[in-house]
Protein backbone atom coordinates (compact mmCIF):
# COMPACT_ATOMS: atom_id res chain seq x y z
CA MET A 1 -0.02 0.35 -0.10
CA GLY A 2 1.31 3.29 -1.15
CA LEU A 3 1.84 6.36 0.67
CA GLU A 4 0.57 9.63 -0.29
CA LEU A 5 -0.42 13.77 0.53
CA ARG A 6 -3.92 14.45 -0.21
CA GLN A 7 -5.70 17.55 0.53
CA ASN A 8 -8.91 17.21 1.58
CA LEU A 9 -11.83 20.23 2.85
CA LYS A 10 -13.90 19.17 5.55
CA LEU A 11 -16.55 21.39 7.05
CA THR A 12 -16.64 20.94 11.09
CA GLN A 13 -18.49 22.55 13.98
CA GLN A 14 -16.43 23.38 17.05
CA LEU A 15 -16.96 25.90 19.98
CA VAL A 16 -13.78 28.26 20.27
CA MET A 17 -12.70 29.11 23.99
CA THR A 18 -11.32 32.85 23.09
CA PRO A 19 -9.54 34.38 26.31
CA GLN A 20 -12.62 37.08 26.30
CA LEU A 21 -15.12 33.87 26.61
CA GLN A 22 -13.16 31.98 28.72
CA GLN A 23 -13.05 35.57 31.26
CA ALA A 24 -16.55 35.96 31.10
CA ILE A 25 -16.87 32.17 32.44
CA LYS A 26 -14.60 32.82 35.16
CA LEU A 27 -16.51 35.85 36.43
CA LEU A 28 -19.53 34.16 36.55
CA GLN A 29 -18.69 31.81 39.34
CA LEU A 30 -16.37 33.28 41.28
CA SER A 31 -18.04 35.25 44.35
CA ARG A 32 -18.16 38.48 45.45
CA PHE A 33 -14.98 38.69 47.27
CA GLU A 34 -13.30 36.83 44.43
CA LEU A 35 -14.99 39.53 42.04
CA LEU A 36 -13.67 42.20 43.64
CA GLU A 37 -9.96 40.70 44.27
CA ALA A 38 -10.12 40.10 40.53
CA VAL A 39 -11.19 43.45 39.24
CA GLN A 40 -8.56 45.03 41.48
CA GLN A 41 -6.14 43.14 40.06
CA GLU A 42 -7.16 44.04 36.79
CA LEU A 43 -6.75 47.99 37.60
CA LEU A 44 -3.26 47.31 38.59
CA GLU A 45 -2.30 45.86 35.52
CA ASN A 46 -4.10 47.54 33.03
CA PRO A 47 -3.35 51.14 32.58
CA MET A 48 -6.49 51.89 30.12
CA LEU A 49 -8.69 51.06 33.27
CA GLU A 50 -9.80 53.18 36.03
CA GLU A 51 -12.25 53.41 38.38
CA ALA A 52 -15.12 56.32 37.85
CA PRO A 53 -16.24 58.34 40.68
CA ARG A 54 -19.53 57.26 42.07
CA GLU A 55 -21.07 61.16 40.86
CA LEU A 56 -19.65 61.79 37.54
CA SER A 57 -20.48 65.85 36.25
CA GLU A 58 -23.12 65.62 33.87
CA GLU A 59 -21.07 68.81 32.20
CA VAL A 60 -18.25 66.92 31.77
CA GLU A 61 -19.92 63.60 30.08
CA ALA A 62 -21.92 66.77 27.77
CA GLN A 63 -18.38 67.93 26.89
CA ALA A 64 -16.83 64.82 26.50
CA PRO A 65 -16.00 64.04 22.39
CA PRO A 66 -17.49 60.92 20.99
CA VAL A 67 -15.66 57.84 20.44
CA GLU A 68 -16.06 57.85 16.52
CA GLN A 69 -14.03 61.10 16.61
CA ARG A 70 -11.71 59.90 18.60
CA ALA A 71 -7.77 58.50 16.76
CA ASP A 72 -8.07 54.86 15.31
CA VAL A 73 -10.76 53.26 16.98
CA SER A 74 -12.18 50.19 15.21
CA PHE A 75 -15.76 49.58 13.70
CA ASP A 76 -16.38 46.71 16.53
CA ASP A 77 -14.93 48.66 19.64
CA ALA A 78 -16.39 51.93 18.79
CA GLU A 79 -19.81 49.91 18.38
CA LEU A 80 -19.49 48.04 21.39
CA MET A 81 -18.31 51.55 23.42
CA ARG A 82 -21.38 52.88 21.87
CA ASN A 83 -24.12 50.55 22.33
CA ALA A 84 -22.92 49.57 26.39
CA ASP A 85 -23.81 52.30 29.10
CA TRP A 86 -20.65 50.97 30.94
CA GLU A 87 -21.04 53.78 33.67
CA ASN A 88 -24.06 52.53 35.37
CA TYR A 89 -22.80 48.42 34.87
CA LEU A 90 -23.39 47.57 38.41
CA GLY A 91 -26.49 48.65 40.32
CA ASP A 92 -28.72 49.51 37.00
CA PHE A 93 -30.73 46.37 37.33
CA SER A 94 -34.20 46.91 39.56
CA SER A 95 -37.62 45.66 39.30
CA THR A 96 -39.97 47.27 36.54
CA THR A 97 -42.85 46.78 38.79
CA LYS A 98 -42.02 48.34 41.91
CA GLN A 99 -39.02 51.01 42.68
CA VAL A 100 -38.35 51.62 46.28
CA GLN A 101 -36.30 54.70 47.28
CA PHE A 102 -33.30 53.72 49.77
CA LYS A 103 -31.68 56.47 52.14
CA GLU A 104 -28.10 55.90 51.00
CA THR A 105 -26.36 57.89 53.55
CA GLU A 106 -28.89 56.70 56.88
CA ALA A 107 -27.34 53.15 55.14
CA LEU A 108 -23.62 53.87 55.14
CA GLU A 109 -23.97 55.54 58.84
CA GLU A 110 -25.23 52.40 60.63
CA MET A 111 -22.43 50.27 58.49
CA MET A 112 -19.66 50.08 60.80
CA SER A 113 -16.02 48.51 60.18
CA TYR A 114 -15.54 44.92 61.54
CA GLU A 115 -12.37 45.37 61.28
CA ALA A 116 -12.88 48.62 64.12
CA ARG A 117 -14.83 46.06 65.96
CA LEU A 118 -12.65 42.87 66.12
CA SER A 119 -9.45 41.17 67.66
CA GLY A 120 -8.07 38.68 66.90
CA LYS A 121 -8.08 35.74 67.95
CA PRO A 122 -5.61 33.90 69.99
CA SER A 123 -4.63 30.31 68.76
CA LEU A 124 -3.70 27.37 71.09
CA GLU A 125 -0.32 27.74 70.43
CA GLY A 126 0.55 30.90 71.24
CA HIS A 127 -1.91 30.65 74.12
CA LEU A 128 0.80 27.54 75.52
CA LEU A 129 3.61 29.28 74.37
CA TRP A 130 2.90 32.31 76.65
CA GLN A 131 2.20 30.41 79.51
CA LEU A 132 5.65 27.74 78.91
CA CYS A 133 7.64 31.51 78.94
CA LEU A 134 5.99 32.62 82.51
CA SER A 135 7.19 28.92 83.96
CA ASN A 136 10.27 28.61 85.79
CA ILE A 137 11.82 26.00 83.21
CA THR A 138 15.45 25.50 82.11
CA GLU A 139 16.16 26.49 78.13
CA GLU A 140 15.83 23.10 77.31
CA GLU A 141 12.56 22.57 78.81
CA GLU A 142 11.13 25.08 77.04
CA ALA A 143 12.78 23.59 73.53
CA ILE A 144 11.06 19.81 74.76
CA GLY A 145 7.88 22.34 75.49
CA GLU A 146 7.93 24.11 72.03
CA ALA A 147 8.22 20.59 70.17
CA ILE A 148 5.38 19.14 72.26
CA ILE A 149 3.36 22.44 71.35
CA GLY A 150 4.20 22.46 67.70
CA ASN A 151 3.16 18.93 67.70
CA LEU A 152 -0.89 19.32 68.77
CA ASP A 153 -3.74 18.54 66.47
CA SER A 154 -6.71 21.78 66.44
CA LEU A 155 -8.11 19.65 69.13
CA GLY A 156 -5.00 19.67 71.41
CA TYR A 157 -3.85 16.29 71.48
CA LEU A 158 -0.19 15.17 71.25
CA THR A 159 -0.48 13.60 67.66
CA THR A 160 3.54 12.13 68.46
CA SER A 161 4.84 9.66 71.19
CA ALA A 162 7.48 10.98 73.89
CA GLU A 163 9.93 8.95 72.20
CA GLU A 164 10.24 10.99 69.35
CA ILE A 165 9.83 14.20 70.89
CA ALA A 166 13.10 13.07 73.37
CA SER A 167 14.76 11.88 69.80
CA GLU A 168 13.73 15.23 68.38
CA THR A 169 15.24 17.40 70.90
CA LEU A 170 18.29 15.41 72.00
CA SER A 171 16.39 15.11 75.25
CA PRO A 172 16.32 12.42 78.20
CA LEU A 173 12.80 10.26 78.00
CA ALA A 174 12.20 10.85 81.52
CA LEU A 175 12.48 14.91 80.95
CA VAL A 176 10.80 14.72 78.52
CA GLN A 177 7.54 13.14 80.40
CA SER A 178 8.07 15.45 83.16
CA VAL A 179 7.64 18.87 80.94
CA LEU A 180 4.68 16.98 79.26
CA TYR A 181 3.12 16.40 82.96
CA ARG A 182 3.50 20.30 83.18
CA LEU A 183 2.23 21.36 79.95
CA GLN A 184 -1.08 19.08 80.59
CA ARG A 185 -1.59 21.08 83.63
CA PHE A 186 -1.73 24.45 81.65
CA ASP A 187 -4.78 26.10 80.37
CA PRO A 188 -6.42 24.36 79.05
CA VAL A 189 -6.05 21.40 81.58
CA GLY A 190 -5.85 18.22 79.46
CA VAL A 191 -4.21 19.65 76.72
CA ALA A 192 -1.33 17.40 75.18
CA ALA A 193 -3.06 14.67 76.37
CA ARG A 194 -2.87 11.59 73.84
CA SER A 195 -6.25 9.85 74.29
CA PRO A 196 -9.62 11.62 75.84
CA LYS A 197 -9.67 9.17 78.24
CA GLU A 198 -6.11 10.70 79.29
CA CYS A 199 -7.84 13.83 79.13
CA LEU A 200 -10.95 13.21 81.16
CA LEU A 201 -8.36 12.05 83.72
CA ILE A 202 -5.90 14.93 84.06
CA GLN A 203 -9.03 17.04 84.35
CA LEU A 204 -10.37 15.20 86.93
CA GLU A 205 -7.24 14.82 89.34
CA VAL A 206 -6.75 18.82 88.66
CA LEU A 207 -10.51 19.19 90.02
CA GLY A 208 -9.93 17.09 92.90
CA GLN A 209 -12.20 14.34 91.83
CA ASP A 210 -10.51 11.22 93.03
CA ASP A 211 -14.19 9.06 93.90
CA PRO A 212 -12.54 5.73 92.52
CA ILE A 213 -16.20 4.51 90.78
CA LEU A 214 -16.10 8.41 89.15
CA VAL A 215 -12.53 7.27 87.92
CA SER A 216 -13.11 3.54 86.98
CA LEU A 217 -16.22 4.88 84.83
CA VAL A 218 -13.74 7.26 82.84
CA ASP A 219 -10.83 5.12 82.86
CA GLU A 220 -12.85 1.44 81.56
CA HIS A 221 -16.25 2.42 80.86
CA LEU A 222 -15.98 5.33 78.39
CA GLU A 223 -18.04 3.54 75.68
CA ASP A 224 -20.60 2.01 77.56
CA ILE A 225 -21.70 5.82 78.77
CA GLU A 226 -21.73 6.70 75.27
CA LYS A 227 -23.71 3.64 73.96
CA ARG A 228 -26.10 4.34 77.27
CA ARG A 229 -25.55 0.55 78.61
CA TYR A 230 -25.91 1.79 81.96
CA LYS A 231 -27.43 -1.25 83.77
CA PRO A 232 -24.29 -3.11 83.55
CA LEU A 233 -22.70 -0.05 85.10
CA LEU A 234 -25.40 -0.47 88.39
CA ARG A 235 -24.77 -4.18 88.82
CA LYS A 236 -20.83 -3.74 88.72
CA PHE A 237 -20.87 -0.80 90.82
CA LYS A 238 -23.55 -1.83 93.06
CA ILE A 239 -25.11 1.87 93.05
CA GLN A 240 -28.36 3.30 92.05
CA MET A 241 -29.57 5.09 89.14
CA GLU A 242 -29.38 8.16 90.83
CA ASP A 243 -25.83 8.04 91.76
CA LEU A 244 -24.88 6.99 88.02
CA LYS A 245 -26.31 10.28 87.35
CA ALA A 246 -24.60 12.62 89.61
CA TYR A 247 -21.45 10.69 88.58
CA LEU A 248 -22.34 11.24 84.97
CA ASP A 249 -23.18 15.22 85.53
CA ILE A 250 -19.62 15.34 86.77
CA ILE A 251 -18.54 13.91 83.16
CA GLN A 252 -20.24 15.85 81.24
CA THR A 253 -18.82 19.14 82.82
CA LEU A 254 -15.71 17.98 81.69
CA ASP A 255 -14.13 18.81 77.76
CA PRO A 256 -12.73 15.87 75.91
CA MET A 257 -11.54 18.56 73.20
CA PRO A 258 -9.35 21.24 75.31
CA GLY A 259 -8.06 23.06 71.89
CA ALA A 260 -10.97 23.40 70.01
CA SER A 261 -12.52 26.87 71.61
CA TYR A 262 -8.61 27.87 70.44
CA GLY A 263 -9.54 26.79 66.76
CA SER A 264 -7.26 28.85 64.23
CA ASP A 265 -10.48 29.01 61.81
CA ASN A 266 -11.52 32.69 60.78
CA THR A 267 -15.05 33.51 60.98
CA VAL A 268 -16.20 33.86 57.60
CA PHE A 269 -18.55 36.61 56.57
CA VAL A 270 -20.83 36.50 54.08
CA SER A 271 -21.83 39.59 51.96
CA PRO A 272 -25.16 39.06 50.03
CA ASP A 273 -24.97 39.59 46.37
CA VAL A 274 -28.89 40.46 46.22
CA PHE A 275 -30.98 41.60 48.46
CA VAL A 276 -35.24 40.63 48.08
CA TYR A 277 -37.23 42.86 49.61
CA GLU A 278 -41.19 42.65 50.60
CA TYR A 279 -42.78 45.86 49.65
CA GLU A 280 -46.36 46.45 49.19
CA GLY A 281 -47.19 43.20 48.48
CA ASP A 282 -44.11 42.17 46.15
CA PHE A 283 -41.10 41.61 46.00
CA VAL A 284 -38.13 44.08 44.98
CA ILE A 285 -34.49 43.05 43.81
CA VAL A 286 -31.63 45.42 44.45
CA MET A 287 -27.66 44.18 43.25
CA ASN A 288 -25.39 44.99 46.13
CA ASP A 289 -22.96 46.54 44.35
CA ASP A 290 -21.47 48.42 47.47
CA GLY A 291 -17.48 47.95 47.37
CA LEU A 292 -17.30 46.74 43.62
CA PRO A 293 -15.94 50.10 41.91
CA LYS A 294 -17.38 51.10 38.79
CA LEU A 295 -15.18 50.97 35.75
CA GLN A 296 -14.33 53.56 32.57
CA LEU A 297 -12.17 53.70 29.95
CA SER A 298 -8.52 56.18 31.09
CA PRO A 299 -9.50 59.29 29.83
CA TYR A 300 -6.01 60.29 29.76
CA TYR A 301 -5.23 57.43 27.17
CA MET A 302 -8.24 57.45 25.36
CA ASP A 303 -7.10 61.21 24.22
CA ASP A 304 -6.09 61.63 20.32
CA THR A 305 -2.22 62.01 21.13
CA SER A 306 -2.51 58.88 22.91
CA LEU A 307 -4.23 56.54 20.18
CA ALA A 308 -2.27 57.99 17.41
CA VAL A 309 0.94 56.84 18.32
CA LYS A 310 2.56 54.58 16.51
CA GLY A 311 4.67 51.02 17.10
CA PRO A 312 4.46 48.72 19.46
CA ASP A 313 2.96 51.38 21.84
CA ARG A 314 0.18 52.01 19.88
CA GLU A 315 -0.64 47.87 19.58
CA TYR A 316 -0.25 47.67 23.18
CA LEU A 317 -2.82 50.61 24.11
CA HIS A 318 -4.84 48.59 21.87
CA ASP A 319 -4.61 45.51 23.37
CA LYS A 320 -5.15 46.73 26.72
CA MET A 321 -8.26 49.27 25.61
CA ARG A 322 -10.00 45.98 24.26
CA SER A 323 -9.13 44.15 27.40
CA ALA A 324 -10.80 46.65 29.58
CA MET A 325 -13.75 46.67 27.13
CA TRP A 326 -14.62 42.67 27.64
CA LEU A 327 -13.92 42.74 31.28
CA MET A 328 -16.48 45.58 31.92
CA LYS A 329 -18.95 43.63 29.23
CA SER A 330 -18.20 40.75 30.97
CA LEU A 331 -19.33 42.23 34.62
CA HIS A 332 -22.01 44.00 32.86
CA GLN A 333 -23.14 40.71 31.93
CA ARG A 334 -22.63 38.86 35.29
CA GLN A 335 -24.82 41.22 36.78
CA ARG A 336 -27.75 41.08 34.70
CA THR A 337 -27.59 37.05 34.40
CA LEU A 338 -27.48 37.04 38.34
CA TYR A 339 -30.42 39.57 38.41
CA LYS A 340 -32.56 37.18 35.87
CA VAL A 341 -31.66 33.84 37.80
CA VAL A 342 -32.74 35.62 41.32
CA GLU A 343 -35.58 37.34 39.76
CA SER A 344 -36.77 33.53 38.25
CA ILE A 345 -36.60 31.97 41.75
CA VAL A 346 -38.60 34.44 43.24
CA ARG A 347 -41.54 33.53 40.62
CA PHE A 348 -40.72 29.72 41.48
CA GLN A 349 -40.13 30.13 45.10
CA ARG A 350 -42.58 32.63 45.74
CA GLY A 351 -43.98 30.67 48.73
CA PHE A 352 -40.76 30.54 50.49
CA PHE A 353 -40.01 34.29 50.48
CA GLU A 354 -44.14 34.63 51.66
CA HIS A 355 -44.20 32.03 54.25
CA GLY A 356 -40.68 30.44 54.89
CA VAL A 357 -38.86 27.24 54.50
CA THR A 358 -41.90 25.04 54.83
CA LYS A 359 -43.29 26.57 51.46
CA LEU A 360 -40.39 25.72 49.84
CA LYS A 361 -41.04 24.17 46.45
CA PRO A 362 -39.09 21.69 44.44
CA LEU A 363 -36.90 23.55 41.53
CA ILE A 364 -34.29 22.22 39.68
CA LEU A 365 -31.55 24.27 37.33
CA LYS A 366 -33.47 23.07 33.89
CA ASP A 367 -36.58 25.02 35.22
CA VAL A 368 -34.89 28.61 35.99
CA ALA A 369 -32.48 28.08 33.01
CA ASP A 370 -35.84 27.43 30.81
CA ASP A 371 -37.55 30.60 32.42
CA ILE A 372 -34.58 32.95 31.41
CA GLU A 373 -34.14 31.12 28.04
CA MET A 374 -30.20 30.33 28.98
CA HIS A 375 -28.32 26.96 29.38
CA GLU A 376 -28.59 25.15 32.71
CA SER A 377 -24.35 25.49 32.70
CA THR A 378 -24.66 29.00 32.90
CA VAL A 379 -27.29 29.01 35.46
CA SER A 380 -25.10 26.85 37.63
CA ARG A 381 -22.28 28.62 37.39
CA ILE A 382 -23.92 32.33 38.76
CA THR A 383 -25.36 30.26 41.76
CA THR A 384 -22.23 28.86 42.73
CA SER A 385 -21.02 31.10 45.72
CA LYS A 386 -23.67 33.56 45.29
CA TYR A 387 -26.00 34.67 48.55
CA VAL A 388 -29.28 36.51 48.58
CA ALA A 389 -30.50 37.92 51.39
CA THR A 390 -33.94 37.45 52.23
CA PRO A 391 -37.32 38.24 54.87
CA HIS A 392 -35.97 35.26 56.05
CA GLY A 393 -32.79 35.10 56.71
CA ILE A 394 -29.57 35.04 53.73
CA PHE A 395 -29.10 31.91 51.67
CA GLU A 396 -27.26 30.64 48.89
CA LEU A 397 -28.70 30.70 45.56
CA LYS A 398 -28.07 26.85 45.64
CA PHE A 399 -30.23 26.47 48.51
CA PHE A 400 -33.62 27.11 46.44
CA PHE A 401 -32.97 24.14 43.98
CA ASN A 402 -34.14 20.90 45.55
CA SER A 403 -35.68 17.38 45.15
CA ALA A 404 -39.29 16.73 44.83
CA LEU A 405 -41.40 14.21 46.93
CA GLU A 406 -44.38 13.19 46.00
CA MET A 407 -47.96 13.54 47.97
CA ASP A 408 -51.07 11.19 47.72
CA ASP A 409 -52.84 14.21 45.82
CA GLY A 410 -50.43 13.83 43.11
CA THR A 411 -48.68 16.90 43.85
CA GLN A 412 -45.06 17.53 45.42
CA VAL A 413 -43.47 18.83 48.10
CA GLY A 414 -39.47 20.49 48.21
CA SER A 415 -37.17 17.99 50.06
CA GLU A 416 -35.73 21.20 51.95
CA SER A 417 -39.37 21.85 53.18
CA VAL A 418 -39.79 18.32 54.07
CA LYS A 419 -35.97 18.70 56.49
CA ALA A 420 -37.53 21.84 58.11
CA ILE A 421 -40.60 19.94 59.39
CA ILE A 422 -38.41 17.26 60.46
CA LYS A 423 -35.85 19.53 62.52
CA LYS A 424 -38.84 20.86 63.97
CA MET A 425 -40.32 17.90 65.25
CA VAL A 426 -37.35 16.58 66.77
CA SER A 427 -36.78 19.87 68.39
CA GLU A 428 -40.38 19.69 69.58
CA GLU A 429 -40.49 15.72 70.92
CA ASP A 430 -40.63 14.45 74.12
CA PRO A 431 -36.66 14.19 75.39
CA LYS A 432 -37.84 11.00 77.08
CA HIS A 433 -39.85 9.43 74.18
CA PRO A 434 -38.26 10.76 70.67
CA TYR A 435 -39.57 10.26 67.83
CA SER A 436 -38.35 7.14 65.88
CA ASP A 437 -37.71 7.56 61.86
CA GLU A 438 -40.94 4.93 61.39
CA LYS A 439 -42.69 7.64 63.43
CA ILE A 440 -41.63 10.76 61.82
CA ALA A 441 -42.59 8.93 58.28
CA ALA A 442 -45.94 8.11 59.40
CA VAL A 443 -46.62 11.74 61.08
CA LEU A 444 -45.59 13.20 57.52
CA LYS A 445 -47.80 11.17 55.83
CA GLU A 446 -50.48 11.44 58.04
CA THR A 447 -50.34 15.36 58.49
CA LEU A 448 -49.37 16.68 55.31
CA ASP A 449 -49.65 13.19 52.72
CA VAL A 450 -46.01 13.08 51.91
CA ASN A 451 -44.85 9.53 50.74
CA ILE A 452 -41.93 9.03 52.51
CA ALA A 453 -39.73 6.01 53.36
CA ARG A 454 -38.13 5.64 56.35
CA ARG A 455 -34.40 5.43 55.23
CA THR A 456 -35.51 8.97 53.41
CA VAL A 457 -36.06 9.78 57.12
CA ALA A 458 -32.68 9.12 58.29
CA LYS A 459 -30.67 10.55 55.41
CA TYR A 460 -32.43 13.52 55.57
CA ARG A 461 -31.72 13.09 59.61
CA ALA A 462 -27.91 12.67 59.18
CA VAL A 463 -27.90 15.48 56.89
CA LEU A 464 -29.85 17.74 59.44
CA GLY A 465 -27.40 16.60 61.97
CA ILE A 466 -29.66 14.86 64.00
CA GLU A 467 -28.66 11.93 65.96
CA SER A 468 -30.86 8.93 65.94
CA SER A 469 -33.89 8.13 68.21
CA SER A 470 -32.02 5.94 70.60
CA LYS A 471 -28.94 8.78 71.16
CA ARG A 472 -31.76 11.41 71.66
CA LYS A 473 -33.36 9.60 74.13
CA GLN A 474 -33.10 11.19 77.48
CA VAL A 475 -32.97 8.66 80.74
CA PHE A 476 -32.92 11.06 83.49
């Protein structure tokens, strides 16, 4: 079979991901804080882009020359700049049915900086090192203490052995154990323990609780206590239920996770991307543009002299100008898409906005995508890490999309509504006779005509962080 070269023509279709399209898609899925960071980074890197003042003078705008008269601007760029109102690309989306006037100055006066009111939270490591420095110890003991503190996990437990600490610090094992003994009695008591049992026993020692039954309960029967196997304990120690309850009350005052209160995780503050207000029986959607800069092309680089330069400088300026215009267009499209999605959600989930979580209806991405005539992937991206402030609290947009459960009359109810009902039932149950999963399913069937299986109740209960009925039951 001979080899030969041929020229063939073939017509195909393919999606070309241009840098501009990639940027637009990326901006869709950014959270509010990530978006602000991306815009600030572009402001630093692009000389053609600058932040516009919030209130621009109409006289200055009137005196500005038309885009078409500026030197050497391509037709596509001129058309883009003429048709887009870049100056108001944020915050110009409001409900067409209702207009609400908000007192901006009063709102700004009420807002205070969180940074001005919050102080840094001390870490467990810093708290222990501070106590170690105040102790009367030698330099070698201080080095051992620092090594021990450096090997603690977030709950305050020692993740290595005394032998490894001795090998690391080149110190005698007896000295390491001595320093460990002292450090375990620092605040919080029980820190640097190697197991929950050791942690609780140390706390009992410091509290002066030396009752042999109490010590034995902690040392040998923590698993029995956790699983509420009380009758074998009553027989073994020959005590009454009231006596066992007294011992358990003491154990419950102990802290099995002494380092948890010094966790290094910072509190995450959620800034809503959209506000939904109830006004005269209707709901008004207001985009949150607080803190997001309004962008414009730099007047300095847009004059005739700057755009008429020749050579590499001219190409550089035009490239940066197109990049700035695409960024503003992408931001405009992002806000427009976000508004349309929230508007659609309000239409579908009006019962939630009026009455709360129990009226949440089943909803999938395709429903919203068909309603606003966009692709499901676009709806998925725009609802990622976006939050909306509603009359019933702040929720992620993903929250409004939930599966359906069938009812006897053929209608459907949202899974989130059922979860809210289950949570309410458990909070109002008799602690000594908690509802089993079968009972919860039967009550839902009887009162709401919801067809739900026991295993589905168990799954929802696990998602809500609710323990089984046997663990929720109060014996005393």
